[in-house]
Amino acid sequence: MKRRSVASVHPAYRDDIGDLQTRRPLPGPGVPQVDPFLFLNHHGPQVYAPYNAGLPFGPHPHRGFETVTFILEGSLAHHDSSGHASVIEAGGVQWMTAGSGLVHAEISPPEFKQRGGALEILQLWVNLPSRLKMVAPHYVGLQREDIPAVTLDEGRVSLELIAGEHAGETGPVESLTGVFMSVVRLAAGGRAELPAPSGRNVFLYAVSGQARVAGDRVEPWHLIEMNDDGDTLVLEAETRCCHLFGYAEPIGEPVVSHGPFVMNTQEEIAQAVSDYQAGKFGSGLSL
């Protein structure tokens, strides 16, 4: 097995949303996308006081891609126009296929707004190929206990497997496009050699702690682009750390985005806006 090398490292830039501390490594200067991974927001870590207003993501539309939301700390309530609703606690994940279009809201549940507490959330956008952009919307809400944790390196590494297969375990999400997705947590001194099949684009984001990736030291809040020169990836933790790690086959199609819509052409964007304004994404969210 040949190990991949680091191509480049991209810092996240600060882009707060009101009082919500937000960092965005993707898209950024020099890295418009890591096909099919389009966008990542890192909210927090921060502590909300009691009687707060909570998260600001009220009802809004999406079409043409998937959102994967990782609740590292705190809790997140989801409601959408297809009738899905859940409250996911720390350690859980929401995987939503917007597909042909829906309206959803991601807000803090009443208990969090009343009591406050720690909050840290990642949201990743994953593109869909043209043949799947108008697929029916779908939603999966996973609590921590729904996600298998694969133990590696004699207990020093835990890989929380969300989609794909590793070490005899299968993630609970069946990705439409074969995406592998996980959260990797390493204790200081932990080492993991992870699958990174040739021909797939690797998505690797340093959430917290210091680590070496293929021998290169990487600080938190950085996106690491890997060369396609091997089929494994080596992580070595200098301190306790957490990484978002996935890979997928690149789509290789034009990407035209406008706010919450991601399509292949400007005409398709115009149609998405028209369909949303005409109420074709559904409505009637109960918040």
Protein backbone atom coordinates (compact mmCIF):
# COMPACT_ATOMS: atom_id res chain seq x y z
CA MET A 1 0.00 0.00 0.00
CA LYS A 2 1.40 3.36 -1.02
CA ARG A 3 0.81 6.39 1.21
CA ARG A 4 -0.54 9.64 -0.18
CA SER A 5 1.37 12.91 0.25
CA VAL A 6 0.04 16.36 1.10
CA ALA A 7 -0.63 18.64 -1.88
CA SER A 8 -1.51 21.82 0.03
CA VAL A 9 -2.98 23.09 3.29
CA HIS A 10 -5.67 25.77 3.39
CA PRO A 11 -6.62 27.79 6.50
CA ALA A 12 -10.25 28.40 7.31
CA TYR A 13 -11.23 32.05 7.28
CA ARG A 14 -13.45 33.69 9.89
CA ASP A 15 -16.95 34.58 8.70
CA ASP A 16 -19.17 34.96 11.77
CA ILE A 17 -22.95 34.83 11.39
CA GLY A 18 -24.23 37.23 14.03
CA ASP A 19 -22.95 35.94 17.36
CA LEU A 20 -22.26 32.49 15.89
CA GLN A 21 -18.50 32.04 15.51
CA THR A 22 -17.97 30.58 12.03
CA ARG A 23 -14.91 29.49 10.09
CA ARG A 24 -15.02 28.43 6.46
CA PRO A 25 -12.17 26.47 4.84
CA LEU A 26 -14.16 25.61 1.71
CA PRO A 27 -14.55 27.29 -0.67
CA GLY A 28 -11.54 29.48 -0.13
CA PRO A 29 -8.62 31.09 -1.93
CA GLY A 30 -6.96 28.43 -4.07
CA VAL A 31 -9.54 25.77 -3.32
CA PRO A 32 -12.97 26.34 -4.94
CA GLN A 33 -14.01 22.75 -4.25
CA VAL A 34 -12.68 19.26 -3.58
CA ASP A 35 -15.03 17.60 -6.05
CA PRO A 36 -17.67 16.51 -4.98
CA PHE A 37 -17.18 18.33 -1.64
CA LEU A 38 -18.33 21.92 -2.13
CA PHE A 39 -18.56 23.79 1.15
CA LEU A 40 -17.75 23.47 4.85
CA ASN A 41 -18.82 25.73 7.70
CA HIS A 42 -17.31 25.20 11.15
CA HIS A 43 -19.54 26.81 13.81
CA GLY A 44 -17.94 27.26 17.24
CA PRO A 45 -16.56 25.98 19.47
CA GLN A 46 -18.23 28.44 21.79
CA VAL A 47 -20.46 28.52 24.86
CA TYR A 48 -23.94 30.01 24.75
CA ALA A 49 -25.34 31.69 27.83
CA PRO A 50 -28.76 30.69 29.19
CA TYR A 51 -31.77 32.31 27.52
CA ASN A 52 -30.01 32.70 24.17
CA ALA A 53 -31.57 33.12 20.72
CA GLY A 54 -30.01 29.92 19.41
CA LEU A 55 -28.90 29.18 15.87
CA PRO A 56 -30.06 31.56 13.11
CA PHE A 57 -30.84 29.03 10.37
CA GLY A 58 -34.60 29.40 9.97
CA PRO A 59 -36.55 28.05 6.98
CA HIS A 60 -34.55 28.20 3.73
CA PRO A 61 -34.51 26.17 0.48
CA HIS A 62 -31.98 23.81 -1.13
CA ARG A 63 -31.77 21.96 -4.43
CA GLY A 64 -29.18 19.81 -6.20
CA PHE A 65 -26.90 18.53 -3.43
CA GLU A 66 -26.67 17.01 0.06
CA THR A 67 -25.92 18.54 3.44
CA VAL A 68 -24.10 16.55 6.12
CA THR A 69 -24.19 18.14 9.56
CA PHE A 70 -21.99 16.96 12.43
CA ILE A 71 -23.08 17.97 15.93
CA LEU A 72 -19.85 17.83 17.93
CA GLU A 73 -21.23 19.74 20.94
CA GLY A 74 -24.70 20.95 21.79
CA SER A 75 -27.88 19.92 19.98
CA LEU A 76 -29.64 20.71 16.71
CA ALA A 77 -33.31 20.55 15.73
CA HIS A 78 -34.17 19.79 12.09
CA HIS A 79 -37.51 20.36 10.34
CA ASP A 80 -38.19 20.15 6.61
CA SER A 81 -41.02 20.45 4.12
CA SER A 82 -40.93 16.71 3.37
CA GLY A 83 -42.15 16.04 6.90
CA HIS A 84 -38.89 15.09 8.61
CA ALA A 85 -38.19 16.36 12.12
CA SER A 86 -35.62 15.41 14.75
CA VAL A 87 -33.42 16.75 17.53
CA ILE A 88 -29.87 15.43 17.27
CA GLU A 89 -27.57 15.59 20.28
CA ALA A 90 -23.79 15.82 20.58
CA GLY A 91 -22.01 13.10 18.62
CA GLY A 92 -24.82 12.73 16.12
CA VAL A 93 -25.08 13.47 12.41
CA GLN A 94 -27.79 14.70 10.02
CA TRP A 95 -27.56 13.64 6.36
CA MET A 96 -30.06 15.44 4.15
CA THR A 97 -30.49 14.90 0.41
CA ALA A 98 -32.05 18.09 -0.92
CA GLY A 99 -32.35 16.64 -4.41
CA SER A 100 -35.27 18.16 -6.32
CA GLY A 101 -35.84 20.69 -3.59
CA LEU A 102 -37.12 21.27 -0.09
CA VAL A 103 -37.30 23.89 2.61
CA HIS A 104 -35.64 23.12 5.92
CA ALA A 105 -34.69 24.77 9.18
CA GLU A 106 -31.78 24.04 11.51
CA ILE A 107 -32.37 25.67 14.85
CA SER A 108 -31.57 25.21 18.51
CA PRO A 109 -34.19 23.25 20.45
CA PRO A 110 -36.00 25.10 23.27
CA GLU A 111 -33.95 23.34 25.97
CA PHE A 112 -30.66 24.65 24.52
CA LYS A 113 -31.99 28.19 24.21
CA GLN A 114 -33.15 28.09 27.81
CA ARG A 115 -30.11 26.44 29.39
CA GLY A 116 -27.28 27.38 27.01
CA GLY A 117 -24.10 25.36 26.85
CA ALA A 118 -21.26 24.36 24.56
CA LEU A 119 -21.87 24.31 20.81
CA GLU A 120 -19.74 23.11 17.90
CA ILE A 121 -21.23 22.08 14.56
CA LEU A 122 -19.79 21.29 11.14
CA GLN A 123 -21.85 21.44 7.96
CA LEU A 124 -20.52 19.92 4.75
CA TRP A 125 -22.15 20.23 1.32
CA VAL A 126 -21.72 17.25 -1.01
CA ASN A 127 -22.56 17.71 -4.68
CA LEU A 128 -24.80 15.39 -6.66
CA PRO A 129 -24.22 14.49 -10.32
CA SER A 130 -26.69 15.78 -12.90
CA ARG A 131 -28.48 12.42 -13.03
CA LEU A 132 -29.32 12.69 -9.30
CA LYS A 133 -29.92 16.40 -8.81
CA MET A 134 -33.69 15.97 -9.05
CA VAL A 135 -33.92 12.85 -6.88
CA ALA A 136 -36.62 12.86 -4.19
CA PRO A 137 -35.54 14.59 -0.95
CA HIS A 138 -34.44 12.32 1.89
CA TYR A 139 -33.26 12.75 5.49
CA VAL A 140 -31.43 10.59 8.02
CA GLY A 141 -30.92 11.72 11.61
CA LEU A 142 -28.37 9.74 13.60
CA GLN A 143 -27.63 9.91 17.32
CA ARG A 144 -24.19 9.04 18.65
CA GLU A 145 -25.28 5.49 19.48
CA ASP A 146 -26.41 4.92 15.87
CA ILE A 147 -22.88 5.43 14.51
CA PRO A 148 -20.39 2.55 14.80
CA ALA A 149 -17.02 3.51 16.26
CA VAL A 150 -14.12 1.50 14.82
CA THR A 151 -11.26 1.25 17.34
CA LEU A 152 -7.74 1.40 15.91
CA ASP A 153 -4.16 1.55 17.21
CA GLU A 154 -4.89 -0.32 20.44
CA GLY A 155 -7.64 2.09 21.44
CA ARG A 156 -5.77 5.33 20.70
CA VAL A 157 -7.88 6.02 17.58
CA SER A 158 -11.65 5.95 17.10
CA LEU A 159 -13.18 6.21 13.62
CA GLU A 160 -16.88 7.09 13.76
CA LEU A 161 -18.15 5.56 10.54
CA ILE A 162 -21.07 7.44 9.00
CA ALA A 163 -21.03 6.20 5.39
CA GLY A 164 -18.98 3.48 3.73
CA GLU A 165 -17.17 0.43 5.07
CA HIS A 166 -14.05 -0.03 7.18
CA ALA A 167 -12.61 -2.85 9.28
CA GLY A 168 -15.72 -4.99 8.93
CA GLU A 169 -18.13 -2.20 9.90
CA THR A 170 -20.63 -0.41 7.68
CA GLY A 171 -21.85 3.13 8.23
CA PRO A 172 -25.61 3.63 8.65
CA VAL A 173 -25.92 6.09 5.72
CA GLU A 174 -26.19 4.59 2.24
CA SER A 175 -24.67 7.32 0.10
CA LEU A 176 -26.19 7.76 -3.35
CA THR A 177 -22.72 8.31 -4.81
CA GLY A 178 -20.52 6.00 -2.73
CA VAL A 179 -19.18 8.69 -0.41
CA PHE A 180 -17.06 7.48 2.52
CA MET A 181 -17.49 9.75 5.53
CA SER A 182 -16.21 9.60 9.09
CA VAL A 183 -15.07 11.53 12.15
CA VAL A 184 -11.63 10.41 13.35
CA ARG A 185 -10.60 11.09 16.96
CA LEU A 186 -7.02 10.41 18.08
CA ALA A 187 -5.44 10.45 21.50
CA ALA A 188 -1.99 11.98 21.81
CA GLY A 189 0.44 9.55 20.20
CA GLY A 190 -2.29 7.81 18.22
CA ARG A 191 -1.62 6.74 14.65
CA ALA A 192 -4.07 5.75 11.93
CA GLU A 193 -3.45 4.53 8.40
CA LEU A 194 -6.74 5.11 6.66
CA PRO A 195 -8.06 4.01 3.25
CA ALA A 196 -7.76 6.61 0.48
CA PRO A 197 -8.37 4.70 -2.76
CA SER A 198 -6.64 5.96 -5.86
CA GLY A 199 -8.95 7.92 -8.13
CA ARG A 200 -10.99 9.27 -5.21
CA ASN A 201 -10.73 12.81 -3.88
CA VAL A 202 -9.90 12.92 -0.18
CA PHE A 203 -11.65 15.37 2.14
CA LEU A 204 -9.65 15.99 5.32
CA TYR A 205 -10.31 18.85 7.76
CA ALA A 206 -8.48 19.38 11.05
CA VAL A 207 -11.17 20.24 13.59
CA SER A 208 -9.00 20.38 16.71
CA GLY A 209 -5.57 19.46 18.05
CA GLN A 210 -2.17 19.10 16.41
CA ALA A 211 -1.33 16.21 14.11
CA ARG A 212 0.94 15.16 11.30
CA VAL A 213 -0.61 14.21 7.98
CA ALA A 214 1.75 12.16 5.82
CA GLY A 215 4.52 13.58 8.00
CA ASP A 216 3.50 17.24 7.57
CA ARG A 217 2.45 19.09 10.73
CA VAL A 218 -1.08 20.44 10.51
CA GLU A 219 -2.77 22.89 12.88
CA PRO A 220 -6.51 22.95 13.62
CA TRP A 221 -8.94 24.81 11.36
CA HIS A 222 -7.12 23.78 8.18
CA LEU A 223 -8.27 21.83 5.13
CA ILE A 224 -5.66 19.39 3.82
CA GLU A 225 -5.60 18.58 0.11
CA MET A 226 -3.96 15.25 -0.69
CA ASN A 227 -2.17 14.21 -3.85
CA ASP A 228 -3.58 11.21 -5.71
CA ASP A 229 -0.28 9.35 -5.40
CA GLY A 230 -1.24 6.46 -3.15
CA ASP A 231 -4.11 4.54 -1.61
CA THR A 232 -3.74 5.21 2.13
CA LEU A 233 -3.48 8.27 4.36
CA VAL A 234 -1.45 8.43 7.58
CA LEU A 235 -2.54 10.53 10.58
CA GLU A 236 -0.30 10.85 13.64
CA ALA A 237 -1.53 12.80 16.65
CA GLU A 238 0.81 15.06 18.61
CA THR A 239 -2.06 16.07 20.92
CA ARG A 240 -5.61 14.88 21.31
CA CYS A 241 -7.25 15.78 18.01
CA CYS A 242 -10.28 15.38 15.78
CA HIS A 243 -10.49 15.26 11.98
CA LEU A 244 -13.31 15.09 9.48
CA PHE A 245 -12.26 12.47 6.95
CA GLY A 246 -13.94 11.25 3.80
CA TYR A 247 -13.39 10.46 0.16
CA ALA A 248 -15.46 10.16 -2.99
CA GLU A 249 -15.21 9.74 -6.72
CA PRO A 250 -15.05 13.15 -8.41
CA ILE A 251 -18.11 14.07 -10.47
CA GLY A 252 -16.27 16.15 -13.06
CA GLU A 253 -19.29 18.22 -14.11
CA PRO A 254 -19.82 22.01 -14.24
CA VAL A 255 -20.83 23.52 -10.90
CA VAL A 256 -23.11 26.54 -10.99
CA SER A 257 -24.25 27.72 -7.56
CA HIS A 258 -26.49 30.52 -6.39
CA GLY A 259 -27.00 30.75 -2.65
CA PRO A 260 -28.75 27.55 -1.55
CA PHE A 261 -28.96 26.00 -5.04
CA VAL A 262 -26.22 23.97 -6.78
CA MET A 263 -26.87 22.92 -10.37
CA ASN A 264 -24.99 22.48 -13.66
CA THR A 265 -26.21 25.50 -15.64
CA GLN A 266 -27.51 29.03 -15.10
CA GLU A 267 -30.79 27.95 -16.68
CA GLU A 268 -31.21 25.26 -14.02
CA ILE A 269 -30.50 27.84 -11.30
CA ALA A 270 -33.16 30.14 -12.76
CA GLN A 271 -35.61 27.22 -12.77
CA ALA A 272 -34.78 26.41 -9.13
CA VAL A 273 -35.47 30.01 -8.09
CA SER A 274 -38.73 30.02 -10.07
CA ASP A 275 -39.85 26.68 -8.60
CA TYR A 276 -39.10 27.84 -5.06
CA GLN A 277 -40.96 31.11 -5.54
CA ALA A 278 -43.90 29.13 -6.94
CA GLY A 279 -44.06 27.04 -3.77
CA LYS A 280 -42.93 23.82 -5.44
CA PHE A 281 -40.43 23.01 -2.65
CA GLY A 282 -43.24 22.54 -0.15
CA SER A 283 -44.03 24.55 2.93
CA GLY A 284 -45.82 24.27 6.23
CA LEU A 285 -42.81 23.86 8.53
CA SER A 286 -43.86 23.50 12.14
CA LEU A 287 -41.23 25.21 14.28
